[in-house]
Amino acid sequence: MASKRTSKVNLALQGGGAHGAFTWGVLDRLLEEEDVEIEGISGTSAGAMNAVVLAYGYALGKQEKAKETLQSFWWEISLLGNVFNPIRPTPAEKLDNPWNLDWSLSYTYHELLSRLLSPYQLNPLNLNPLRWVLEKTIDFDLLAKSDVQLFVAATSVRSGQPRIFKQGEITLDSLLASACIPFIFQAVKIDDDYYWDGGYMGNPVLWPLIYNTHSPDIILVQINPLYRQQIPHTANDIFNRLNEITFNSSLIAEMRAINFVSRLIARGKLDAQDYKDIKMHMITDCQGMLDLNASSKLNTSWDFFLHLKDIGRQAAESWLIDNKDAIGRKSSLDIFETFLRKK
């Protein structure tokens, strides 16, 4: 019997705080596909955490160890949240909405305080519990030897440009920089520059996968909705929608460029030998993520993580059933219809 053809793919993982547990679920399911090999991963913020934890687990023991390491990481985040995260709903609030925290008094107080005082005032010692989880979870020397190529994005505070940390350059500080929310954490100093969350300039960046890997297939794991039917009216909803638009803007620009080049190649205007014909795919759960707002990105409860993991696994399962055969042959994502058409 002929063996199955192994398909190489690249992954592009969006950031989004606790919503990154959705991506955990997607990765957990993809790692069960023995004939799908992950060549490279580009990640920002929570996407960068998932990328690095997966690659490290892969270096420890391929797919099965990667699955274990991802679960361990999110479990540690939840445990730490139980101790250090002051934002949690009361039992009454859980009855109204088990995941969103926007009407939680602790969340409202946190949002107000973070608008009035900077992290340099609120957290002068610059304590970051995520540092402790990463120190406990990742051996960065072993990570540098992983077969999975990594690209982690951060935003330079001074220049406003993205910086991409590649395999061998990724350290604890570069990971913290990729997830440095300016209203919560002090800017992370690396070399002679300071960095904030990579989502401002790339959520995630696609071009490192295009230029530094062999596979033409990129699977985008999307957790930030592109389109919302309802116009936001509350201050929290307006702020949330502004963040979604900002964090998706650079992705839309890259999608526009990929679509343009692909059309020229298809029309014979560009030589496919000289230009990479990118095949784009996307795994998302539009409805499941639309029901969540900005406040839930700070929800570190284990039940919430498992909920997101479950819908992530379901989204990946549906995508595999419908589109796995497209890998290596064609895009399963209509870029124009999804990202560029006016709705």
C-alpha atoms as a PDB file:
ATOM      1  CA  MET A   1       0.000   0.000   0.000  1.00  0.00           C
ATOM      2  CA  ALA A   2       1.362   3.439  -0.950  1.00  0.00           C
ATOM      3  CA  SER A   3       2.135   5.719   1.961  1.00  0.00           C
ATOM      4  CA  LYS A   4       0.262   8.984   2.348  1.00  0.00           C
ATOM      5  CA  ARG A   5       1.839  12.099   0.902  1.00  0.00           C
ATOM      6  CA  THR A   6       3.096  14.409   3.652  1.00  0.00           C
ATOM      7  CA  SER A   7       1.931  17.976   3.141  1.00  0.00           C
ATOM      8  CA  LYS A   8       4.053  20.825   4.498  1.00  0.00           C
ATOM      9  CA  VAL A   9       2.237  23.926   5.718  1.00  0.00           C
ATOM     10  CA  ASN A  10       3.032  27.178   7.459  1.00  0.00           C
ATOM     11  CA  LEU A  11       0.890  28.630  10.228  1.00  0.00           C
ATOM     12  CA  ALA A  12       0.097  32.289  10.903  1.00  0.00           C
ATOM     13  CA  LEU A  13      -1.253  32.770  14.423  1.00  0.00           C
ATOM     14  CA  GLN A  14      -3.073  35.902  15.548  1.00  0.00           C
ATOM     15  CA  GLY A  15      -2.800  37.394  19.013  1.00  0.00           C
ATOM     16  CA  GLY A  16      -5.714  38.142  21.279  1.00  0.00           C
ATOM     17  CA  GLY A  17      -4.947  37.490  24.934  1.00  0.00           C
ATOM     18  CA  ALA A  18      -6.969  34.668  26.444  1.00  0.00           C
ATOM     19  CA  HIS A  19      -8.605  34.114  23.053  1.00  0.00           C
ATOM     20  CA  GLY A  20      -5.338  32.423  22.093  1.00  0.00           C
ATOM     21  CA  ALA A  21      -6.788  29.310  23.724  1.00  0.00           C
ATOM     22  CA  PHE A  22      -8.916  28.988  20.563  1.00  0.00           C
ATOM     23  CA  THR A  23      -5.663  28.671  18.625  1.00  0.00           C
ATOM     24  CA  TRP A  24      -4.498  26.065  21.143  1.00  0.00           C
ATOM     25  CA  GLY A  25      -7.517  23.985  20.143  1.00  0.00           C
ATOM     26  CA  VAL A  26      -6.773  24.418  16.433  1.00  0.00           C
ATOM     27  CA  LEU A  27      -3.146  23.369  16.911  1.00  0.00           C
ATOM     28  CA  ASP A  28      -4.145  20.442  19.118  1.00  0.00           C
ATOM     29  CA  ARG A  29      -6.281  19.070  16.282  1.00  0.00           C
ATOM     30  CA  LEU A  30      -3.779  19.794  13.486  1.00  0.00           C
ATOM     31  CA  LEU A  31      -1.036  17.971  15.403  1.00  0.00           C
ATOM     32  CA  GLU A  32      -3.095  14.789  15.134  1.00  0.00           C
ATOM     33  CA  GLU A  33      -2.744  14.804  11.329  1.00  0.00           C
ATOM     34  CA  GLU A  34       0.280  12.571  10.710  1.00  0.00           C
ATOM     35  CA  ASP A  35       0.479  13.551   7.041  1.00  0.00           C
ATOM     36  CA  VAL A  36       0.529  17.310   7.730  1.00  0.00           C
ATOM     37  CA  GLU A  37       3.936  18.717   8.657  1.00  0.00           C
ATOM     38  CA  ILE A  38       4.353  22.212  10.097  1.00  0.00           C
ATOM     39  CA  GLU A  39       7.349  23.904   8.472  1.00  0.00           C
ATOM     40  CA  GLY A  40       7.139  27.409   9.904  1.00  0.00           C
ATOM     41  CA  ILE A  41       4.995  29.514  12.236  1.00  0.00           C
ATOM     42  CA  SER A  42       4.560  33.267  12.413  1.00  0.00           C
ATOM     43  CA  GLY A  43       2.958  34.472  15.622  1.00  0.00           C
ATOM     44  CA  THR A  44       2.110  37.644  17.475  1.00  0.00           C
ATOM     45  CA  SER A  45       1.330  38.063  21.179  1.00  0.00           C
ATOM     46  CA  ALA A  46      -0.723  35.018  22.250  1.00  0.00           C
ATOM     47  CA  GLY A  47      -0.048  33.604  18.776  1.00  0.00           C
ATOM     48  CA  ALA A  48       3.675  33.884  19.461  1.00  0.00           C
ATOM     49  CA  MET A  49       3.235  32.014  22.746  1.00  0.00           C
ATOM     50  CA  ASN A  50       1.379  29.197  21.004  1.00  0.00           C
ATOM     51  CA  ALA A  51       3.995  29.110  18.238  1.00  0.00           C
ATOM     52  CA  VAL A  52       6.954  28.887  20.609  1.00  0.00           C
ATOM     53  CA  VAL A  53       5.331  26.366  22.944  1.00  0.00           C
ATOM     54  CA  LEU A  54       4.403  24.133  19.996  1.00  0.00           C
ATOM     55  CA  ALA A  55       7.906  24.339  18.494  1.00  0.00           C
ATOM     56  CA  TYR A  56       9.496  23.605  21.856  1.00  0.00           C
ATOM     57  CA  GLY A  57       7.223  20.609  22.441  1.00  0.00           C
ATOM     58  CA  TYR A  58       8.015  19.415  18.937  1.00  0.00           C
ATOM     59  CA  ALA A  59      11.737  19.543  19.782  1.00  0.00           C
ATOM     60  CA  LEU A  60      11.050  17.483  22.902  1.00  0.00           C
ATOM     61  CA  GLY A  61       9.074  14.740  21.174  1.00  0.00           C
ATOM     62  CA  LYS A  62       7.289  15.632  17.940  1.00  0.00           C
ATOM     63  CA  GLN A  63       3.493  15.946  17.759  1.00  0.00           C
ATOM     64  CA  GLU A  64       2.484  14.176  20.958  1.00  0.00           C
ATOM     65  CA  LYS A  65       4.895  16.150  23.109  1.00  0.00           C
ATOM     66  CA  ALA A  66       3.800  19.381  21.421  1.00  0.00           C
ATOM     67  CA  LYS A  67       0.193  18.641  22.392  1.00  0.00           C
ATOM     68  CA  GLU A  68       1.245  17.996  26.003  1.00  0.00           C
ATOM     69  CA  THR A  69       3.361  21.139  26.198  1.00  0.00           C
ATOM     70  CA  LEU A  70       0.558  23.335  24.859  1.00  0.00           C
ATOM     71  CA  GLN A  71      -1.874  21.979  27.447  1.00  0.00           C
ATOM     72  CA  SER A  72       0.666  22.461  30.218  1.00  0.00           C
ATOM     73  CA  PHE A  73       1.280  26.078  29.174  1.00  0.00           C
ATOM     74  CA  TRP A  74      -2.403  27.057  29.205  1.00  0.00           C
ATOM     75  CA  TRP A  75      -2.920  25.236  32.507  1.00  0.00           C
ATOM     76  CA  GLU A  76      -0.063  27.240  34.044  1.00  0.00           C
ATOM     77  CA  ILE A  77      -1.559  30.487  32.712  1.00  0.00           C
ATOM     78  CA  SER A  78      -4.861  29.620  34.340  1.00  0.00           C
ATOM     79  CA  LEU A  79      -3.229  28.713  37.673  1.00  0.00           C
ATOM     80  CA  LEU A  80      -1.323  31.982  37.706  1.00  0.00           C
ATOM     81  CA  GLY A  81      -4.483  33.872  36.806  1.00  0.00           C
ATOM     82  CA  ASN A  82      -6.199  32.418  39.858  1.00  0.00           C
ATOM     83  CA  VAL A  83      -3.552  34.106  41.998  1.00  0.00           C
ATOM     84  CA  PHE A  84      -2.667  37.346  40.198  1.00  0.00           C
ATOM     85  CA  ASN A  85      -5.603  38.206  37.946  1.00  0.00           C
ATOM     86  CA  PRO A  86      -7.965  40.500  39.873  1.00  0.00           C
ATOM     87  CA  ILE A  87     -10.502  40.497  37.041  1.00  0.00           C
ATOM     88  CA  ARG A  88     -13.050  37.797  37.626  1.00  0.00           C
ATOM     89  CA  PRO A  89     -16.852  37.699  37.529  1.00  0.00           C
ATOM     90  CA  THR A  90     -19.095  37.242  40.520  1.00  0.00           C
ATOM     91  CA  PRO A  91     -21.469  34.222  40.541  1.00  0.00           C
ATOM     92  CA  ALA A  92     -24.325  36.523  39.504  1.00  0.00           C
ATOM     93  CA  GLU A  93     -22.321  37.885  36.574  1.00  0.00           C
ATOM     94  CA  LYS A  94     -21.517  34.347  35.439  1.00  0.00           C
ATOM     95  CA  LEU A  95     -25.232  33.626  35.127  1.00  0.00           C
ATOM     96  CA  ASP A  96     -25.677  36.572  32.769  1.00  0.00           C
ATOM     97  CA  ASN A  97     -22.621  35.797  30.592  1.00  0.00           C
ATOM     98  CA  PRO A  98     -20.074  33.142  31.608  1.00  0.00           C
ATOM     99  CA  TRP A  99     -17.161  34.546  29.559  1.00  0.00           C
ATOM    100  CA  ASN A 100     -17.396  38.308  28.999  1.00  0.00           C
ATOM    101  CA  LEU A 101     -16.397  40.499  31.925  1.00  0.00           C
ATOM    102  CA  ASP A 102     -17.424  43.960  30.731  1.00  0.00           C
ATOM    103  CA  TRP A 103     -20.007  44.416  33.465  1.00  0.00           C
ATOM    104  CA  SER A 104     -17.694  43.051  36.131  1.00  0.00           C
ATOM    105  CA  LEU A 105     -16.804  45.700  38.706  1.00  0.00           C
ATOM    106  CA  SER A 106     -13.206  44.467  38.816  1.00  0.00           C
ATOM    107  CA  TYR A 107     -12.887  44.812  35.024  1.00  0.00           C
ATOM    108  CA  THR A 108     -14.426  48.297  35.036  1.00  0.00           C
ATOM    109  CA  TYR A 109     -12.078  49.404  37.804  1.00  0.00           C
ATOM    110  CA  HIS A 110      -9.079  47.940  35.939  1.00  0.00           C
ATOM    111  CA  GLU A 111     -10.014  49.697  32.685  1.00  0.00           C
ATOM    112  CA  LEU A 112     -10.504  53.040  34.426  1.00  0.00           C
ATOM    113  CA  LEU A 113      -7.247  52.763  36.331  1.00  0.00           C
ATOM    114  CA  SER A 114      -5.251  51.798  33.228  1.00  0.00           C
ATOM    115  CA  ARG A 115      -6.535  54.923  31.419  1.00  0.00           C
ATOM    116  CA  LEU A 116      -5.549  57.212  34.290  1.00  0.00           C
ATOM    117  CA  LEU A 117      -2.212  55.684  35.295  1.00  0.00           C
ATOM    118  CA  SER A 118       0.533  54.119  33.183  1.00  0.00           C
ATOM    119  CA  PRO A 119       2.184  50.749  33.929  1.00  0.00           C
ATOM    120  CA  TYR A 120       5.236  52.722  35.059  1.00  0.00           C
ATOM    121  CA  GLN A 121       3.063  54.105  37.874  1.00  0.00           C
ATOM    122  CA  LEU A 122       0.861  51.076  38.571  1.00  0.00           C
ATOM    123  CA  ASN A 123       3.641  48.482  38.260  1.00  0.00           C
ATOM    124  CA  PRO A 124       6.952  50.233  39.041  1.00  0.00           C
ATOM    125  CA  LEU A 125       8.701  46.893  39.678  1.00  0.00           C
ATOM    126  CA  ASN A 126       7.625  45.758  36.202  1.00  0.00           C
ATOM    127  CA  LEU A 127       6.323  42.402  37.411  1.00  0.00           C
ATOM    128  CA  ASN A 128       4.959  40.171  34.652  1.00  0.00           C
ATOM    129  CA  PRO A 129       3.551  36.761  35.655  1.00  0.00           C
ATOM    130  CA  LEU A 130       3.853  35.591  32.033  1.00  0.00           C
ATOM    131  CA  ARG A 131       7.629  35.725  32.466  1.00  0.00           C
ATOM    132  CA  TRP A 132       7.387  33.138  35.233  1.00  0.00           C
ATOM    133  CA  VAL A 133       5.265  30.777  33.124  1.00  0.00           C
ATOM    134  CA  LEU A 134       7.639  31.001  30.148  1.00  0.00           C
ATOM    135  CA  GLU A 135      10.702  30.498  32.339  1.00  0.00           C
ATOM    136  CA  LYS A 136       9.082  27.373  33.753  1.00  0.00           C
ATOM    137  CA  THR A 137       7.868  26.046  30.383  1.00  0.00           C
ATOM    138  CA  ILE A 138      10.566  26.795  27.761  1.00  0.00           C
ATOM    139  CA  ASP A 139      14.221  25.837  27.435  1.00  0.00           C
ATOM    140  CA  PHE A 140      15.281  28.449  24.876  1.00  0.00           C
ATOM    141  CA  ASP A 141      18.505  26.637  23.981  1.00  0.00           C
ATOM    142  CA  LEU A 142      16.508  23.581  22.949  1.00  0.00           C
ATOM    143  CA  LEU A 143      13.907  25.773  21.239  1.00  0.00           C
ATOM    144  CA  ALA A 144      16.622  27.104  18.906  1.00  0.00           C
ATOM    145  CA  LYS A 145      17.166  23.522  17.671  1.00  0.00           C
ATOM    146  CA  SER A 146      13.515  22.870  16.824  1.00  0.00           C
ATOM    147  CA  ASP A 147      12.675  21.730  13.282  1.00  0.00           C
ATOM    148  CA  VAL A 148       9.836  24.258  13.210  1.00  0.00           C
ATOM    149  CA  GLN A 149      10.948  27.679  11.966  1.00  0.00           C
ATOM    150  CA  LEU A 150       9.664  30.533  14.117  1.00  0.00           C
ATOM    151  CA  PHE A 151       8.941  34.192  13.414  1.00  0.00           C
ATOM    152  CA  VAL A 152       7.795  36.369  16.321  1.00  0.00           C
ATOM    153  CA  ALA A 153       6.677  39.978  15.776  1.00  0.00           C
ATOM    154  CA  ALA A 154       7.027  42.973  18.095  1.00  0.00           C
ATOM    155  CA  THR A 155       6.497  46.707  17.457  1.00  0.00           C
ATOM    156  CA  SER A 156       9.294  49.217  17.971  1.00  0.00           C
ATOM    157  CA  VAL A 157       8.050  52.026  20.203  1.00  0.00           C
ATOM    158  CA  ARG A 158      10.483  54.521  18.679  1.00  0.00           C
ATOM    159  CA  SER A 159      10.156  53.782  14.953  1.00  0.00           C
ATOM    160  CA  GLY A 160       6.689  52.251  14.832  1.00  0.00           C
ATOM    161  CA  GLN A 161       8.109  49.491  12.621  1.00  0.00           C
ATOM    162  CA  PRO A 162       7.769  45.750  13.173  1.00  0.00           C
ATOM    163  CA  ARG A 163      10.725  43.683  14.269  1.00  0.00           C
ATOM    164  CA  ILE A 164      10.726  39.997  13.430  1.00  0.00           C
ATOM    165  CA  PHE A 165      12.633  37.712  15.771  1.00  0.00           C
ATOM    166  CA  LYS A 166      13.681  34.602  13.870  1.00  0.00           C
ATOM    167  CA  GLN A 167      14.818  31.153  14.901  1.00  0.00           C
ATOM    168  CA  GLY A 168      17.811  31.489  17.222  1.00  0.00           C
ATOM    169  CA  GLU A 169      16.924  35.115  18.068  1.00  0.00           C
ATOM    170  CA  ILE A 170      13.868  34.272  20.142  1.00  0.00           C
ATOM    171  CA  THR A 171      14.413  34.849  23.842  1.00  0.00           C
ATOM    172  CA  LEU A 172      12.228  35.339  26.878  1.00  0.00           C
ATOM    173  CA  ASP A 173      12.362  39.105  26.339  1.00  0.00           C
ATOM    174  CA  SER A 174      11.379  38.952  22.658  1.00  0.00           C
ATOM    175  CA  LEU A 175       8.348  36.842  23.570  1.00  0.00           C
ATOM    176  CA  LEU A 176       7.342  39.274  26.300  1.00  0.00           C
ATOM    177  CA  ALA A 177       7.823  42.129  23.826  1.00  0.00           C
ATOM    178  CA  SER A 178       5.464  40.482  21.338  1.00  0.00           C
ATOM    179  CA  ALA A 179       2.748  40.412  24.022  1.00  0.00           C
ATOM    180  CA  CYS A 180       3.512  43.763  25.674  1.00  0.00           C
ATOM    181  CA  ILE A 181       0.176  45.600  25.918  1.00  0.00           C
ATOM    182  CA  PRO A 182       1.151  49.255  26.451  1.00  0.00           C
ATOM    183  CA  PHE A 183      -1.598  49.972  28.980  1.00  0.00           C
ATOM    184  CA  ILE A 184      -0.623  47.020  31.164  1.00  0.00           C
ATOM    185  CA  PHE A 185       3.147  46.445  30.828  1.00  0.00           C
ATOM    186  CA  GLN A 186       6.226  48.623  30.526  1.00  0.00           C
ATOM    187  CA  ALA A 187       7.900  48.549  27.108  1.00  0.00           C
ATOM    188  CA  VAL A 188      10.422  45.712  26.799  1.00  0.00           C
ATOM    189  CA  LYS A 189      14.029  46.759  26.159  1.00  0.00           C
ATOM    190  CA  ILE A 190      15.968  44.594  23.692  1.00  0.00           C
ATOM    191  CA  ASP A 191      19.366  45.748  22.506  1.00  0.00           C
ATOM    192  CA  ASP A 192      19.011  49.516  22.082  1.00  0.00           C
ATOM    193  CA  ASP A 193      15.279  49.670  21.389  1.00  0.00           C
ATOM    194  CA  TYR A 194      11.977  49.283  23.229  1.00  0.00           C
ATOM    195  CA  TYR A 195       9.040  47.181  22.075  1.00  0.00           C
ATOM    196  CA  TRP A 196       5.286  46.859  22.448  1.00  0.00           C
ATOM    197  CA  ASP A 197       2.797  44.233  21.282  1.00  0.00           C
ATOM    198  CA  GLY A 198       3.492  43.007  17.743  1.00  0.00           C
ATOM    199  CA  GLY A 199      -0.189  43.180  16.827  1.00  0.00           C
ATOM    200  CA  TYR A 200       0.035  46.893  16.072  1.00  0.00           C
ATOM    201  CA  MET A 201       2.191  46.226  13.000  1.00  0.00           C
ATOM    202  CA  GLY A 202       1.424  42.607  12.167  1.00  0.00           C
ATOM    203  CA  ASN A 203      -1.254  40.312  13.532  1.00  0.00           C
ATOM    204  CA  PRO A 204       0.357  38.158  12.346  1.00  0.00           C
ATOM    205  CA  VAL A 205       3.039  38.982   9.769  1.00  0.00           C
ATOM    206  CA  LEU A 206       2.933  36.752   6.690  1.00  0.00           C
ATOM    207  CA  TRP A 207       5.955  37.867   4.682  1.00  0.00           C
ATOM    208  CA  PRO A 208       8.569  35.979   6.778  1.00  0.00           C
ATOM    209  CA  LEU A 209       6.778  32.752   5.876  1.00  0.00           C
ATOM    210  CA  ILE A 210       6.729  33.723   2.205  1.00  0.00           C
ATOM    211  CA  TYR A 211      10.448  34.503   1.981  1.00  0.00           C
ATOM    212  CA  ASN A 212      11.982  32.050   4.467  1.00  0.00           C
ATOM    213  CA  THR A 213      10.153  28.749   3.985  1.00  0.00           C
ATOM    214  CA  HIS A 214       9.626  26.341   1.091  1.00  0.00           C
ATOM    215  CA  SER A 215       5.934  25.574   1.501  1.00  0.00           C
ATOM    216  CA  PRO A 216       3.562  27.860  -0.447  1.00  0.00           C
ATOM    217  CA  ASP A 217       0.682  27.005   1.914  1.00  0.00           C
ATOM    218  CA  ILE A 218      -0.152  29.353   4.799  1.00  0.00           C
ATOM    219  CA  ILE A 219      -2.952  28.547   7.239  1.00  0.00           C
ATOM    220  CA  LEU A 220      -4.135  31.678   9.043  1.00  0.00           C
ATOM    221  CA  VAL A 221      -5.705  30.992  12.432  1.00  0.00           C
ATOM    222  CA  GLN A 222      -7.969  33.994  12.909  1.00  0.00           C
ATOM    223  CA  ILE A 223      -9.323  35.035  16.293  1.00  0.00           C
ATOM    224  CA  ASN A 224      -9.980  38.756  15.689  1.00  0.00           C
ATOM    225  CA  PRO A 225     -13.239  39.281  13.751  1.00  0.00           C
ATOM    226  CA  LEU A 226     -12.941  41.283  10.542  1.00  0.00           C
ATOM    227  CA  TYR A 227     -16.597  42.222  10.255  1.00  0.00           C
ATOM    228  CA  ARG A 228     -19.247  43.085  12.819  1.00  0.00           C
ATOM    229  CA  GLN A 229     -22.846  43.794  11.916  1.00  0.00           C
ATOM    230  CA  GLN A 230     -23.637  45.845  14.998  1.00  0.00           C
ATOM    231  CA  ILE A 231     -22.333  49.398  15.441  1.00  0.00           C
ATOM    232  CA  PRO A 232     -20.703  49.753  18.887  1.00  0.00           C
ATOM    233  CA  HIS A 233     -22.288  52.261  21.263  1.00  0.00           C
ATOM    234  CA  THR A 234     -20.737  51.672  24.683  1.00  0.00           C
ATOM    235  CA  ALA A 235     -17.239  52.934  25.468  1.00  0.00           C
ATOM    236  CA  ASN A 236     -15.967  49.368  25.915  1.00  0.00           C
ATOM    237  CA  ASP A 237     -17.460  48.197  22.618  1.00  0.00           C
ATOM    238  CA  ILE A 238     -16.015  51.180  20.735  1.00  0.00           C
ATOM    239  CA  PHE A 239     -12.566  50.552  22.210  1.00  0.00           C
ATOM    240  CA  ASN A 240     -12.834  46.844  21.375  1.00  0.00           C
ATOM    241  CA  ARG A 241     -13.808  47.526  17.756  1.00  0.00           C
ATOM    242  CA  LEU A 242     -10.991  50.055  17.320  1.00  0.00           C
ATOM    243  CA  ASN A 243      -8.523  47.420  18.553  1.00  0.00           C
ATOM    244  CA  GLU A 244      -9.909  44.829  16.132  1.00  0.00           C
ATOM    245  CA  ILE A 245      -9.625  47.227  13.185  1.00  0.00           C
ATOM    246  CA  THR A 246      -6.102  48.293  14.163  1.00  0.00           C
ATOM    247  CA  PHE A 247      -4.883  44.744  14.734  1.00  0.00           C
ATOM    248  CA  ASN A 248      -6.338  43.554  11.406  1.00  0.00           C
ATOM    249  CA  SER A 249      -5.148  46.453   9.230  1.00  0.00           C
ATOM    250  CA  SER A 250      -1.641  45.179   8.442  1.00  0.00           C
ATOM    251  CA  LEU A 251      -3.011  41.681   7.774  1.00  0.00           C
ATOM    252  CA  ILE A 252      -5.487  43.094   5.250  1.00  0.00           C
ATOM    253  CA  ALA A 253      -2.649  44.956   3.501  1.00  0.00           C
ATOM    254  CA  GLU A 254      -0.595  41.761   3.207  1.00  0.00           C
ATOM    255  CA  MET A 255      -3.629  39.848   1.961  1.00  0.00           C
ATOM    256  CA  ARG A 256      -4.155  42.502  -0.707  1.00  0.00           C
ATOM    257  CA  ALA A 257      -0.549  42.067  -1.892  1.00  0.00           C
ATOM    258  CA  ILE A 258      -0.793  38.253  -1.920  1.00  0.00           C
ATOM    259  CA  ASN A 259      -4.043  38.412  -3.891  1.00  0.00           C
ATOM    260  CA  PHE A 260      -2.512  40.849  -6.401  1.00  0.00           C
ATOM    261  CA  VAL A 261       0.567  38.665  -7.046  1.00  0.00           C
ATOM    262  CA  SER A 262      -1.526  35.481  -7.293  1.00  0.00           C
ATOM    263  CA  ARG A 263      -3.776  37.082  -9.917  1.00  0.00           C
ATOM    264  CA  LEU A 264      -0.783  38.200 -11.971  1.00  0.00           C
ATOM    265  CA  ILE A 265       0.721  34.701 -11.825  1.00  0.00           C
ATOM    266  CA  ALA A 266      -2.607  33.157 -12.871  1.00  0.00           C
ATOM    267  CA  ARG A 267      -2.800  35.528 -15.855  1.00  0.00           C
ATOM    268  CA  GLY A 268       0.752  34.737 -16.906  1.00  0.00           C
ATOM    269  CA  LYS A 269       1.946  38.276 -16.169  1.00  0.00           C
ATOM    270  CA  LEU A 270       4.477  37.006 -13.623  1.00  0.00           C
ATOM    271  CA  ASP A 271       6.685  33.922 -13.858  1.00  0.00           C
ATOM    272  CA  ALA A 272       5.767  31.362 -11.178  1.00  0.00           C
ATOM    273  CA  GLN A 273       9.428  30.339 -11.149  1.00  0.00           C
ATOM    274  CA  ASP A 274      10.400  33.779  -9.887  1.00  0.00           C
ATOM    275  CA  TYR A 275       7.405  34.530  -7.672  1.00  0.00           C
ATOM    276  CA  LYS A 276       5.934  32.288  -5.000  1.00  0.00           C
ATOM    277  CA  ASP A 277       2.292  31.487  -5.671  1.00  0.00           C
ATOM    278  CA  ILE A 278       0.960  31.544  -2.118  1.00  0.00           C
ATOM    279  CA  LYS A 279      -1.937  29.260  -1.299  1.00  0.00           C
ATOM    280  CA  MET A 280      -3.913  30.817   1.556  1.00  0.00           C
ATOM    281  CA  HIS A 281      -6.159  28.980   3.987  1.00  0.00           C
ATOM    282  CA  MET A 282      -7.979  30.161   7.098  1.00  0.00           C
ATOM    283  CA  ILE A 283      -9.340  28.457  10.193  1.00  0.00           C
ATOM    284  CA  THR A 284     -11.771  30.487  12.257  1.00  0.00           C
ATOM    285  CA  ASP A 285     -15.087  30.315  14.078  1.00  0.00           C
ATOM    286  CA  CYS A 286     -16.705  33.612  13.191  1.00  0.00           C
ATOM    287  CA  GLN A 287     -19.820  33.182  15.312  1.00  0.00           C
ATOM    288  CA  GLY A 288     -18.026  31.723  18.314  1.00  0.00           C
ATOM    289  CA  MET A 289     -15.548  34.621  18.434  1.00  0.00           C
ATOM    290  CA  LEU A 290     -18.161  37.297  17.676  1.00  0.00           C
ATOM    291  CA  ASP A 291     -19.923  36.417  20.912  1.00  0.00           C
ATOM    292  CA  LEU A 292     -16.785  37.413  22.845  1.00  0.00           C
ATOM    293  CA  ASN A 293     -15.586  40.958  23.462  1.00  0.00           C
ATOM    294  CA  ALA A 294     -12.416  42.675  24.700  1.00  0.00           C
ATOM    295  CA  SER A 295     -13.109  41.960  28.369  1.00  0.00           C
ATOM    296  CA  SER A 296     -13.007  38.197  27.802  1.00  0.00           C
ATOM    297  CA  LYS A 297      -9.413  38.514  26.570  1.00  0.00           C
ATOM    298  CA  LEU A 298      -8.520  38.959  30.253  1.00  0.00           C
ATOM    299  CA  ASN A 299     -10.541  35.945  31.416  1.00  0.00           C
ATOM    300  CA  THR A 300      -8.024  33.330  32.591  1.00  0.00           C
ATOM    301  CA  SER A 301     -10.462  30.774  33.981  1.00  0.00           C
ATOM    302  CA  TRP A 302      -9.704  27.172  33.032  1.00  0.00           C
ATOM    303  CA  ASP A 303     -13.338  26.613  32.021  1.00  0.00           C
ATOM    304  CA  PHE A 304     -13.050  29.454  29.525  1.00  0.00           C
ATOM    305  CA  PHE A 305      -9.787  28.088  28.121  1.00  0.00           C
ATOM    306  CA  LEU A 306     -11.374  24.665  27.658  1.00  0.00           C
ATOM    307  CA  HIS A 307     -14.399  26.256  25.978  1.00  0.00           C
ATOM    308  CA  LEU A 308     -12.126  28.053  23.505  1.00  0.00           C
ATOM    309  CA  LYS A 309     -10.008  24.959  22.965  1.00  0.00           C
ATOM    310  CA  ASP A 310     -13.129  22.976  22.158  1.00  0.00           C
ATOM    311  CA  ILE A 311     -14.439  25.414  19.531  1.00  0.00           C
ATOM    312  CA  GLY A 312     -10.894  25.672  18.128  1.00  0.00           C
ATOM    313  CA  ARG A 313     -10.708  21.909  17.703  1.00  0.00           C
ATOM    314  CA  GLN A 314     -14.142  21.895  16.059  1.00  0.00           C
ATOM    315  CA  ALA A 315     -13.128  24.677  13.665  1.00  0.00           C
ATOM    316  CA  ALA A 316      -9.967  22.783  12.697  1.00  0.00           C
ATOM    317  CA  GLU A 317     -11.914  19.561  12.252  1.00  0.00           C
ATOM    318  CA  SER A 318     -14.394  21.259   9.929  1.00  0.00           C
ATOM    319  CA  TRP A 319     -11.589  22.865   7.947  1.00  0.00           C
ATOM    320  CA  LEU A 320      -9.740  19.553   7.561  1.00  0.00           C
ATOM    321  CA  ILE A 321     -12.870  17.798   6.314  1.00  0.00           C
ATOM    322  CA  ASP A 322     -13.626  20.499   3.754  1.00  0.00           C
ATOM    323  CA  ASN A 323     -10.185  21.719   2.716  1.00  0.00           C
ATOM    324  CA  LYS A 324      -7.340  19.375   3.617  1.00  0.00           C
ATOM    325  CA  ASP A 325      -7.108  18.118   0.030  1.00  0.00           C
ATOM    326  CA  ALA A 326      -6.457  21.686  -1.130  1.00  0.00           C
ATOM    327  CA  ILE A 327      -3.055  21.791   0.600  1.00  0.00           C
ATOM    328  CA  GLY A 328      -0.342  22.007  -2.034  1.00  0.00           C
ATOM    329  CA  ARG A 329      -2.863  22.450  -4.867  1.00  0.00           C
ATOM    330  CA  LYS A 330      -4.883  25.622  -4.394  1.00  0.00           C
ATOM    331  CA  SER A 331      -6.061  28.242  -1.912  1.00  0.00           C
ATOM    332  CA  SER A 332      -9.118  27.327   0.103  1.00  0.00           C
ATOM    333  CA  LEU A 333      -9.521  30.970   1.191  1.00  0.00           C
ATOM    334  CA  ASP A 334     -11.086  33.494  -1.177  1.00  0.00           C
ATOM    335  CA  ILE A 335      -8.994  36.510  -0.188  1.00  0.00           C
ATOM    336  CA  PHE A 336     -11.063  39.019  -2.154  1.00  0.00           C
ATOM    337  CA  GLU A 337     -14.382  37.817  -0.762  1.00  0.00           C
ATOM    338  CA  THR A 338     -13.124  37.598   2.844  1.00  0.00           C
ATOM    339  CA  PHE A 339     -10.760  40.545   3.190  1.00  0.00           C
ATOM    340  CA  LEU A 340     -11.230  42.990   0.320  1.00  0.00           C
ATOM    341  CA  ARG A 341     -14.858  43.054  -0.810  1.00  0.00           C
ATOM    342  CA  LYS A 342     -16.983  45.819   0.628  1.00  0.00           C
ATOM    343  CA  LYS A 343     -19.879  44.260   2.512  1.00  0.00           C
END
